[in-house]
Amino acid sequence: MENLHHIVVVGGGAGGLELVTRLGNKLGKKHKARISLVDAGLTHIWKPLLHEVAAGSLDASTNEINYRAHARKHHFEFQLGRLSDLDRRNKAIVIAPFLDEEGREVVPERRIQYDTLVIAIGSTANDFGTPGAQEHCLFLDSLKQARRFHNLMLNAFLRTNHESLQGHSHQLNISIIGAGATGVELAAELRLASRELPVYGMNHLQASDVSITVIEAAERILPALPERLSVAATRELERQNVVVLTGQPVSEIRKDSLLMKDGTELPSEMTIWAAGIKAPPFLAKLDGLEANRTNQLVVQQTLQTTLDANIFAFGDCAACPQPGSDHPVPPRAQAAHQQADALFKTLRNRLQGKAPVPFVYNDHGSLINFSRYTTVGNLMGNLSGRSMYIEGKVARLFYASLYRMHQVALHGFLRTGVIWLMDKISRAMHPRLKMH
């Protein structure tokens, strides 16, 4: 193993885990290369599901993948730790010491040698330096944050229910800053939670006691998607009694309120930041690699970094050019999936001395899911290049298939079928909302 070409992938998100799984199955299993995955967590969950975990619609424990167990089945190695530095001259990465919950060192700082390095560490929320955001906002960048949100939400609903029981009812105000896909879908999930919890014992809580507001600085919600989708999404949110405020930048977040740019102050006991993303700041100082103003590593169309042909980057943490466009590949799950596929071919070619595969992004459309209410979206025609608007059950079927495609990439068709059946059984046996 020591003499094999060592491919190190940092980041076990959707794209990173799909890539090491394929590399392990095709190269690691046949001892054509040594494959390693480095991640700061022990488990993987598909990031587009985090808003469902936060609202309690999804039990994360049944959808997590343990990296060590997955590595054993798919012939790659797993290293627990967070990337802290890069030594390009000696082709090594530095992994920060791993500490337990009490701050004691479990594993000291380590260096891992590589022949090919792939960076796929995703993104974090971009608060654009808004005063009070870090102190008073909740974020949904990780499973830990989603679980924290869920606990705070349950406590807030419980408090509102108790106050109503005592005859001191008041409205619980929840604000979501940012009306991209995450913000819009989270609003629908929270509305579902406000209607489901009374069924499970919070008898004095009514959906009307919970005010949900989505705030977008642009002139319409879902500003990056076609206007028809935006109109349909606005209509659906308003039908679910979600307040939609557009053209309303937030200038400051306070403990229990928001200050708008026009001076208006809105009450908000729970504030969620879902506006914009950026790559982790340390990437901008990673041994001289070129990065843009949102800390993304700048890469060529082959996904190789501009200053080092042995280092690749993809997903949300990379700025990849699109032929014929002034904008880079958008930070979306389908882009990471396609990049993982192209990069697998490139790394296989690399071992054979062949040229890398240029990445070309194909936009297959967008789908927005409003919890159990409805789904809307547009699908791109591969031949005509035109988009087709869909909604309802057909759109929901396509939306569900996105996650199943990710599972197929990780487990294959047979195991994904078994997982799907187990999910069906689990939903039939457990409450529709996670209450702990």
Protein backbone atom coordinates (compact mmCIF):
# COMPACT_ATOMS: atom_id res chain seq x y z
CA MET A 1 0.00 0.00 0.00
CA GLU A 2 2.87 2.39 0.74
CA ASN A 3 4.04 2.24 -2.88
CA LEU A 4 0.61 2.91 -4.37
CA HIS A 5 -0.47 6.30 -5.67
CA HIS A 6 -2.17 7.96 -2.70
CA ILE A 7 -5.36 9.94 -3.41
CA VAL A 8 -6.51 11.96 -0.40
CA VAL A 9 -10.00 13.49 -0.42
CA VAL A 10 -10.72 16.09 2.25
CA GLY A 11 -14.44 16.47 2.95
CA GLY A 12 -17.09 13.77 3.19
CA GLY A 13 -20.06 15.74 1.90
CA ALA A 14 -22.24 14.58 -0.98
CA GLY A 15 -19.58 14.96 -3.67
CA GLY A 16 -16.61 13.90 -1.56
CA LEU A 17 -18.23 10.72 -0.30
CA GLU A 18 -19.52 9.77 -3.74
CA LEU A 19 -16.01 10.25 -5.15
CA VAL A 20 -14.15 8.13 -2.57
CA THR A 21 -16.82 5.43 -2.82
CA ARG A 22 -16.28 5.09 -6.56
CA LEU A 23 -12.50 5.37 -6.25
CA GLY A 24 -12.49 2.72 -3.54
CA ASN A 25 -14.69 0.34 -5.51
CA LYS A 26 -12.74 0.72 -8.76
CA LEU A 27 -9.17 1.48 -7.68
CA GLY A 28 -8.80 0.67 -4.00
CA LYS A 29 -10.39 -2.76 -4.25
CA LYS A 30 -8.00 -3.73 -7.07
CA HIS A 31 -4.96 -2.21 -5.32
CA LYS A 32 -4.43 0.25 -8.14
CA ALA A 33 -4.35 3.19 -5.73
CA ARG A 34 -4.59 3.97 -2.04
CA ILE A 35 -7.70 6.04 -1.25
CA SER A 36 -8.17 8.10 1.92
CA LEU A 37 -11.03 10.28 3.15
CA VAL A 38 -10.48 12.98 5.78
CA ASP A 39 -13.43 14.56 7.58
CA ALA A 40 -13.98 16.39 10.87
CA GLY A 41 -17.10 14.32 11.66
CA LEU A 42 -17.82 10.64 12.06
CA THR A 43 -20.98 10.52 9.98
CA HIS A 44 -22.41 11.84 6.73
CA ILE A 45 -25.87 13.17 5.99
CA TRP A 46 -27.02 14.72 2.72
CA LYS A 47 -26.87 18.47 3.34
CA PRO A 48 -30.14 19.32 1.51
CA LEU A 49 -31.92 17.33 4.25
CA LEU A 50 -30.68 19.48 7.14
CA HIS A 51 -33.73 21.75 7.14
CA GLU A 52 -35.92 18.64 7.61
CA VAL A 53 -33.75 17.53 10.53
CA ALA A 54 -34.06 21.01 12.04
CA ALA A 55 -37.86 21.00 11.82
CA GLY A 56 -38.17 17.39 13.03
CA SER A 57 -39.60 15.99 9.80
CA LEU A 58 -36.59 13.70 9.44
CA ASP A 59 -34.78 11.58 12.02
CA ALA A 60 -31.12 12.09 11.19
CA SER A 61 -30.03 8.94 13.04
CA THR A 62 -31.79 6.76 10.45
CA ASN A 63 -30.20 8.61 7.51
CA GLU A 64 -26.60 8.99 8.73
CA ILE A 65 -23.75 7.06 7.15
CA ASN A 66 -20.84 6.11 9.39
CA TYR A 67 -17.61 6.92 7.56
CA ARG A 68 -15.61 4.07 9.12
CA ALA A 69 -18.22 1.43 8.27
CA HIS A 70 -18.64 2.82 4.75
CA ALA A 71 -14.86 2.88 4.25
CA ARG A 72 -14.58 -0.78 5.18
CA LYS A 73 -17.26 -1.79 2.67
CA HIS A 74 -15.86 0.33 -0.15
CA HIS A 75 -12.10 -0.18 0.19
CA PHE A 76 -10.87 3.23 1.32
CA GLU A 77 -9.35 4.55 4.54
CA PHE A 78 -10.93 7.10 6.85
CA GLN A 79 -9.05 9.68 8.93
CA LEU A 80 -10.97 11.68 11.54
CA GLY A 81 -9.81 15.28 11.77
CA ARG A 82 -9.99 18.80 10.41
CA LEU A 83 -7.65 20.12 7.71
CA SER A 84 -5.58 22.93 9.23
CA ASP A 85 -2.69 23.48 6.82
CA LEU A 86 -1.12 22.42 3.54
CA ASP A 87 2.53 21.79 2.65
CA ARG A 88 2.57 21.74 -1.15
CA ARG A 89 6.34 21.45 -1.41
CA ASN A 90 6.37 18.15 0.50
CA LYS A 91 2.91 17.09 -0.75
CA ALA A 92 1.38 16.76 2.70
CA ILE A 93 -1.68 18.02 4.57
CA VAL A 94 -1.76 18.86 8.26
CA ILE A 95 -4.65 17.59 10.36
CA ALA A 96 -5.43 19.56 13.53
CA PRO A 97 -5.40 17.77 16.91
CA PHE A 98 -8.68 16.01 17.67
CA LEU A 99 -10.17 17.07 21.00
CA ASP A 100 -12.98 15.54 23.04
CA GLU A 101 -15.97 17.50 24.35
CA GLU A 102 -13.98 18.59 27.39
CA GLY A 103 -11.12 19.93 25.30
CA ARG A 104 -8.69 17.10 26.00
CA GLU A 105 -6.47 15.93 23.15
CA VAL A 106 -7.48 12.52 21.85
CA VAL A 107 -5.25 12.40 18.76
CA PRO A 108 -2.34 14.84 18.21
CA GLU A 109 -1.65 16.85 15.07
CA ARG A 110 -0.84 14.61 12.09
CA ARG A 111 0.63 14.93 8.60
CA ILE A 112 -0.72 12.86 5.72
CA GLN A 113 1.31 12.50 2.54
CA TYR A 114 -0.51 12.56 -0.79
CA ASP A 115 0.22 12.13 -4.47
CA THR A 116 -3.11 13.65 -5.49
CA LEU A 117 -5.16 15.87 -3.18
CA VAL A 118 -8.87 16.63 -3.61
CA ILE A 119 -10.48 19.36 -1.50
CA ALA A 120 -14.27 19.13 -1.13
CA ILE A 121 -15.03 20.74 2.22
CA GLY A 122 -18.25 22.48 1.20
CA SER A 123 -19.40 25.86 2.42
CA THR A 124 -20.71 27.78 5.40
CA ALA A 125 -23.30 30.54 5.73
CA ASN A 126 -22.25 34.00 4.58
CA ASP A 127 -23.67 36.63 6.95
CA PHE A 128 -21.99 39.45 4.95
CA GLY A 129 -20.77 40.97 8.22
CA THR A 130 -24.31 41.85 9.34
CA PRO A 131 -24.15 43.13 12.94
CA GLY A 132 -25.53 40.64 15.44
CA ALA A 133 -25.74 37.72 13.00
CA GLN A 134 -23.13 35.54 14.68
CA GLU A 135 -24.46 36.30 18.16
CA HIS A 136 -28.20 35.95 17.61
CA CYS A 137 -28.81 33.83 14.48
CA LEU A 138 -29.16 30.10 14.08
CA PHE A 139 -27.42 28.45 11.12
CA LEU A 140 -27.92 25.16 9.27
CA ASP A 141 -24.42 24.35 8.00
CA SER A 142 -24.02 21.06 9.87
CA LEU A 143 -25.93 18.24 11.51
CA LYS A 144 -24.92 19.57 14.93
CA GLN A 145 -26.46 22.96 14.14
CA ALA A 146 -29.63 21.34 12.76
CA ARG A 147 -30.07 19.30 15.94
CA ARG A 148 -29.50 22.37 18.10
CA PHE A 149 -32.14 24.23 16.09
CA HIS A 150 -34.58 21.34 16.57
CA ASN A 151 -34.16 21.37 20.34
CA LEU A 152 -34.59 25.15 20.52
CA MET A 153 -37.68 24.95 18.32
CA LEU A 154 -39.30 22.29 20.51
CA ASN A 155 -38.55 24.36 23.63
CA ALA A 156 -40.02 27.48 22.02
CA PHE A 157 -43.19 25.63 21.02
CA LEU A 158 -43.45 24.08 24.49
CA ARG A 159 -43.07 27.50 26.11
CA THR A 160 -45.77 28.96 23.86
CA ASN A 161 -48.08 26.04 24.65
CA HIS A 162 -47.57 26.50 28.41
CA GLU A 163 -48.18 30.24 28.23
CA SER A 164 -51.44 29.61 26.37
CA LEU A 165 -52.43 27.11 29.07
CA GLN A 166 -51.84 29.78 31.72
CA GLY A 167 -53.90 32.33 29.80
CA HIS A 168 -50.85 34.42 28.82
CA SER A 169 -50.70 33.50 25.16
CA HIS A 170 -48.53 35.49 22.78
CA GLN A 171 -47.34 34.92 19.25
CA LEU A 172 -44.03 33.12 18.68
CA ASN A 173 -42.21 35.00 15.93
CA ILE A 174 -39.79 33.01 13.75
CA SER A 175 -37.81 34.80 11.05
CA ILE A 176 -35.86 33.23 8.20
CA ILE A 177 -33.37 35.57 6.55
CA GLY A 178 -32.79 34.47 2.98
CA ALA A 179 -35.38 33.07 0.57
CA GLY A 180 -33.28 30.66 -1.42
CA ALA A 181 -34.23 26.98 -1.54
CA THR A 182 -33.19 26.32 2.07
CA GLY A 183 -35.10 29.27 3.50
CA VAL A 184 -38.27 28.56 1.55
CA GLU A 185 -38.29 24.83 2.32
CA LEU A 186 -37.52 25.42 6.00
CA ALA A 187 -40.50 27.78 6.26
CA ALA A 188 -42.82 25.06 4.95
CA GLU A 189 -41.36 22.47 7.35
CA LEU A 190 -41.80 24.82 10.32
CA ARG A 191 -45.41 25.44 9.37
CA LEU A 192 -45.97 21.70 9.26
CA ALA A 193 -44.41 21.35 12.72
CA SER A 194 -46.69 24.07 14.15
CA ARG A 195 -49.70 22.08 12.89
CA GLU A 196 -48.47 18.64 13.91
CA LEU A 197 -47.34 19.27 17.49
CA PRO A 198 -50.86 19.86 18.89
CA VAL A 199 -51.69 16.31 17.76
CA TYR A 200 -48.95 15.02 20.08
CA GLY A 201 -49.94 16.69 23.33
CA MET A 202 -49.34 20.42 22.89
CA ASN A 203 -53.09 20.92 22.93
CA HIS A 204 -52.98 24.66 23.58
CA LEU A 205 -50.63 25.44 20.72
CA GLN A 206 -52.27 26.56 17.51
CA ALA A 207 -50.62 27.16 14.17
CA SER A 208 -51.84 30.76 14.37
CA ASP A 209 -49.73 31.19 17.53
CA VAL A 210 -46.59 30.71 15.41
CA SER A 211 -45.74 33.52 12.99
CA ILE A 212 -43.23 32.54 10.30
CA THR A 213 -41.65 35.27 8.16
CA VAL A 214 -39.31 34.80 5.20
CA ILE A 215 -37.17 37.85 4.43
CA GLU A 216 -35.36 38.35 1.11
CA ALA A 217 -33.19 41.33 0.12
CA ALA A 218 -33.88 40.75 -3.59
CA GLU A 219 -37.12 41.76 -5.27
CA ARG A 220 -38.44 38.19 -5.28
CA ILE A 221 -37.85 34.94 -3.44
CA LEU A 222 -35.71 32.25 -5.09
CA PRO A 223 -33.89 35.00 -7.04
CA ALA A 224 -31.47 32.56 -8.69
CA LEU A 225 -34.30 30.47 -10.18
CA PRO A 226 -36.81 31.21 -12.98
CA GLU A 227 -39.45 33.81 -12.13
CA ARG A 228 -42.30 31.36 -12.66
CA LEU A 229 -40.92 29.20 -9.86
CA SER A 230 -40.63 32.25 -7.64
CA VAL A 231 -44.26 33.22 -8.24
CA ALA A 232 -45.49 29.68 -7.53
CA ALA A 233 -43.38 29.44 -4.38
CA THR A 234 -44.65 32.80 -3.09
CA ARG A 235 -48.22 31.72 -3.68
CA GLU A 236 -47.68 28.45 -1.80
CA LEU A 237 -45.98 30.11 1.17
CA GLU A 238 -48.77 32.63 1.51
CA ARG A 239 -51.31 29.80 1.31
CA GLN A 240 -49.52 28.25 4.31
CA ASN A 241 -49.77 31.56 6.21
CA VAL A 242 -46.07 32.32 5.89
CA VAL A 243 -45.32 36.05 5.61
CA VAL A 244 -43.07 36.84 2.62
CA LEU A 245 -41.07 40.09 2.68
CA THR A 246 -39.03 40.89 -0.43
CA GLY A 247 -36.79 43.86 -1.21
CA GLN A 248 -36.14 44.06 2.52
CA PRO A 249 -32.43 43.93 3.51
CA VAL A 250 -31.73 43.30 7.19
CA SER A 251 -29.25 45.78 8.68
CA GLU A 252 -28.93 44.36 12.21
CA ILE A 253 -29.98 41.30 14.19
CA ARG A 254 -30.85 41.84 17.83
CA LYS A 255 -31.67 39.36 20.59
CA ASP A 256 -35.45 39.43 20.06
CA SER A 257 -35.88 41.54 16.94
CA LEU A 258 -34.59 42.47 13.49
CA LEU A 259 -33.77 45.96 12.29
CA MET A 260 -34.53 46.47 8.61
CA LYS A 261 -32.63 48.82 6.33
CA ASP A 262 -35.61 51.22 6.22
CA GLY A 263 -35.59 51.47 10.04
CA THR A 264 -38.49 49.10 10.68
CA GLU A 265 -38.05 46.78 13.68
CA LEU A 266 -39.61 43.30 13.53
CA PRO A 267 -40.04 41.05 16.60
CA SER A 268 -38.20 37.73 16.25
CA GLU A 269 -37.62 35.24 19.06
CA MET A 270 -35.96 32.76 16.70
CA THR A 271 -33.91 34.01 13.75
CA ILE A 272 -32.42 31.68 11.15
CA TRP A 273 -29.78 32.86 8.68
CA ALA A 274 -30.17 31.19 5.27
CA ALA A 275 -28.87 33.94 2.98
CA GLY A 276 -25.75 33.23 0.96
CA ILE A 277 -22.78 30.92 1.36
CA LYS A 278 -19.00 31.19 1.40
CA ALA A 279 -16.16 28.72 1.59
CA PRO A 280 -14.32 28.34 4.94
CA PRO A 281 -11.98 31.33 5.46
CA PHE A 282 -8.79 29.27 5.92
CA LEU A 283 -8.91 28.23 2.24
CA ALA A 284 -7.90 31.78 1.27
CA LYS A 285 -4.58 31.23 3.07
CA LEU A 286 -3.90 27.63 2.09
CA ASP A 287 -0.22 27.66 1.08
CA GLY A 288 -0.67 30.22 -1.68
CA LEU A 289 -3.49 28.58 -3.62
CA GLU A 290 -5.59 31.09 -5.55
CA ALA A 291 -8.93 31.93 -3.93
CA ASN A 292 -11.73 34.40 -4.70
CA ARG A 293 -13.46 36.90 -2.40
CA THR A 294 -15.79 34.23 -0.97
CA ASN A 295 -12.77 32.02 -0.11
CA GLN A 296 -13.47 29.51 -2.89
CA LEU A 297 -10.41 27.89 -4.45
CA VAL A 298 -10.16 28.96 -8.09
CA VAL A 299 -9.91 25.93 -10.37
CA GLN A 300 -9.59 25.26 -14.07
CA GLN A 301 -12.25 23.45 -16.05
CA THR A 302 -10.44 20.21 -15.18
CA LEU A 303 -11.08 21.01 -11.47
CA GLN A 304 -7.33 21.37 -10.92
CA THR A 305 -6.33 24.38 -8.84
CA THR A 306 -4.73 27.11 -10.92
CA LEU A 307 -1.35 26.95 -9.15
CA ASP A 308 -0.93 23.23 -8.46
CA ALA A 309 -1.84 20.46 -10.91
CA ASN A 310 -1.68 17.85 -8.11
CA ILE A 311 -4.48 19.53 -6.13
CA PHE A 312 -8.12 19.44 -7.20
CA ALA A 313 -11.15 21.14 -5.65
CA PHE A 314 -14.86 20.80 -6.35
CA GLY A 315 -18.29 21.45 -4.88
CA ASP A 316 -19.20 24.58 -2.95
CA CYS A 317 -15.59 25.31 -1.98
CA ALA A 318 -14.43 25.67 -5.60
CA ALA A 319 -14.98 28.36 -8.25
CA CYS A 320 -15.13 26.41 -11.50
CA PRO A 321 -15.56 28.25 -14.84
CA GLN A 322 -18.44 27.51 -17.21
CA PRO A 323 -17.71 27.73 -20.95
CA GLY A 324 -19.61 30.63 -22.46
CA SER A 325 -20.57 32.15 -19.10
CA ASP A 326 -19.16 34.85 -16.86
CA HIS A 327 -20.44 33.01 -13.77
CA PRO A 328 -18.83 29.96 -12.17
CA VAL A 329 -20.65 26.66 -11.69
CA PRO A 330 -23.43 27.29 -9.11
CA PRO A 331 -23.00 25.77 -5.63
CA ARG A 332 -25.71 23.13 -5.93
CA ALA A 333 -25.95 19.45 -5.04
CA GLN A 334 -26.40 18.41 -8.68
CA ALA A 335 -23.20 20.28 -9.59
CA ALA A 336 -21.21 18.44 -6.91
CA HIS A 337 -22.64 15.12 -8.11
CA GLN A 338 -21.63 15.83 -11.70
CA GLN A 339 -18.18 17.06 -10.66
CA ALA A 340 -17.58 13.91 -8.62
CA ASP A 341 -18.35 11.86 -11.72
CA ALA A 342 -15.98 13.90 -13.93
CA LEU A 343 -13.23 13.89 -11.31
CA PHE A 344 -13.46 10.12 -10.93
CA LYS A 345 -12.72 9.78 -14.65
CA THR A 346 -9.88 12.31 -14.41
CA LEU A 347 -8.21 10.52 -11.48
CA ARG A 348 -8.51 7.17 -13.21
CA ASN A 349 -6.94 8.71 -16.32
CA ARG A 350 -4.21 10.25 -14.16
CA LEU A 351 -3.03 6.82 -13.03
CA GLN A 352 -2.82 5.76 -16.67
CA GLY A 353 -0.97 8.88 -17.80
CA LYS A 354 -3.98 10.19 -19.75
CA ALA A 355 -5.34 13.72 -19.96
CA PRO A 356 -7.88 15.05 -17.40
CA VAL A 357 -11.56 15.33 -18.28
CA PRO A 358 -12.87 18.92 -18.62
CA PHE A 359 -15.97 19.45 -16.53
CA VAL A 360 -19.12 20.74 -18.24
CA TYR A 361 -22.08 21.53 -16.01
CA ASN A 362 -25.52 20.43 -17.17
CA ASP A 363 -28.39 22.17 -15.37
CA HIS A 364 -31.18 19.61 -14.96
CA GLY A 365 -33.53 22.12 -13.38
CA SER A 366 -34.62 22.98 -9.85
CA LEU A 367 -37.17 21.57 -7.42
CA ILE A 368 -38.56 23.24 -4.30
CA ASN A 369 -40.35 21.03 -1.77
CA PHE A 370 -43.00 22.48 0.54
CA SER A 371 -42.91 19.65 3.09
CA ARG A 372 -45.99 17.42 2.74
CA TYR A 373 -48.01 20.16 1.05
CA THR A 374 -46.67 20.25 -2.51
CA THR A 375 -43.53 20.48 -4.68
CA VAL A 376 -42.83 22.84 -7.58
CA GLY A 377 -39.96 22.95 -10.04
CA ASN A 378 -38.64 23.09 -13.55
CA LEU A 379 -36.86 20.36 -15.50
CA MET A 380 -34.41 21.16 -18.29
CA GLY A 381 -34.84 19.30 -21.56
CA ASN A 382 -31.52 17.76 -22.64
CA LEU A 383 -32.40 18.01 -26.34
CA SER A 384 -34.41 21.23 -26.58
CA GLY A 385 -32.62 23.14 -23.82
CA ARG A 386 -36.00 24.46 -22.67
CA SER A 387 -37.40 24.10 -19.18
CA MET A 388 -40.68 22.41 -18.27
CA TYR A 389 -42.63 23.59 -15.24
CA ILE A 390 -43.95 20.81 -12.97
CA GLU A 391 -45.76 20.69 -9.65
CA GLY A 392 -47.69 18.39 -7.34
CA LYS A 393 -47.16 14.62 -7.22
CA VAL A 394 -44.97 14.49 -10.32
CA ALA A 395 -42.65 17.15 -8.94
CA ARG A 396 -42.58 15.42 -5.54
CA LEU A 397 -41.54 12.15 -7.23
CA PHE A 398 -38.65 13.88 -8.98
CA TYR A 399 -37.66 15.61 -5.73
CA ALA A 400 -37.57 12.32 -3.82
CA SER A 401 -35.51 10.75 -6.60
CA LEU A 402 -32.68 13.28 -6.03
CA TYR A 403 -31.85 11.78 -2.64
CA ARG A 404 -32.32 8.25 -3.92
CA MET A 405 -29.80 8.98 -6.69
CA HIS A 406 -27.30 10.04 -4.03
CA GLN A 407 -27.98 6.81 -2.15
CA VAL A 408 -27.52 4.76 -5.33
CA ALA A 409 -24.13 6.42 -5.86
CA LEU A 410 -23.11 5.34 -2.35
CA HIS A 411 -24.82 1.96 -1.94
CA GLY A 412 -25.89 0.69 -5.37
CA PHE A 413 -29.42 -0.05 -6.57
CA LEU A 414 -30.12 -3.16 -4.47
CA ARG A 415 -29.15 -1.68 -1.12
CA THR A 416 -30.92 1.59 -1.94
CA GLY A 417 -34.09 -0.41 -2.61
CA VAL A 418 -33.78 -2.04 0.81
CA ILE A 419 -33.17 1.37 2.43
CA TRP A 420 -36.25 2.76 0.68
CA LEU A 421 -38.37 -0.13 2.03
CA MET A 422 -37.02 0.37 5.54
CA ASP A 423 -37.82 4.09 5.32
CA LYS A 424 -41.41 3.23 4.40
CA ILE A 425 -41.72 0.88 7.38
CA SER A 426 -40.13 3.41 9.73
CA ARG A 427 -42.54 6.16 8.68
CA ALA A 428 -45.51 3.86 9.23
CA MET A 429 -44.37 2.95 12.75
CA HIS A 430 -43.07 6.28 14.09
CA PRO A 431 -44.65 9.72 14.66
CA ARG A 432 -44.65 12.07 11.70
CA LEU A 433 -42.57 14.53 13.72
CA LYS A 434 -39.49 13.90 15.82
CA MET A 435 -40.28 15.21 19.31
CA HIS A 436 -37.01 14.83 21.17
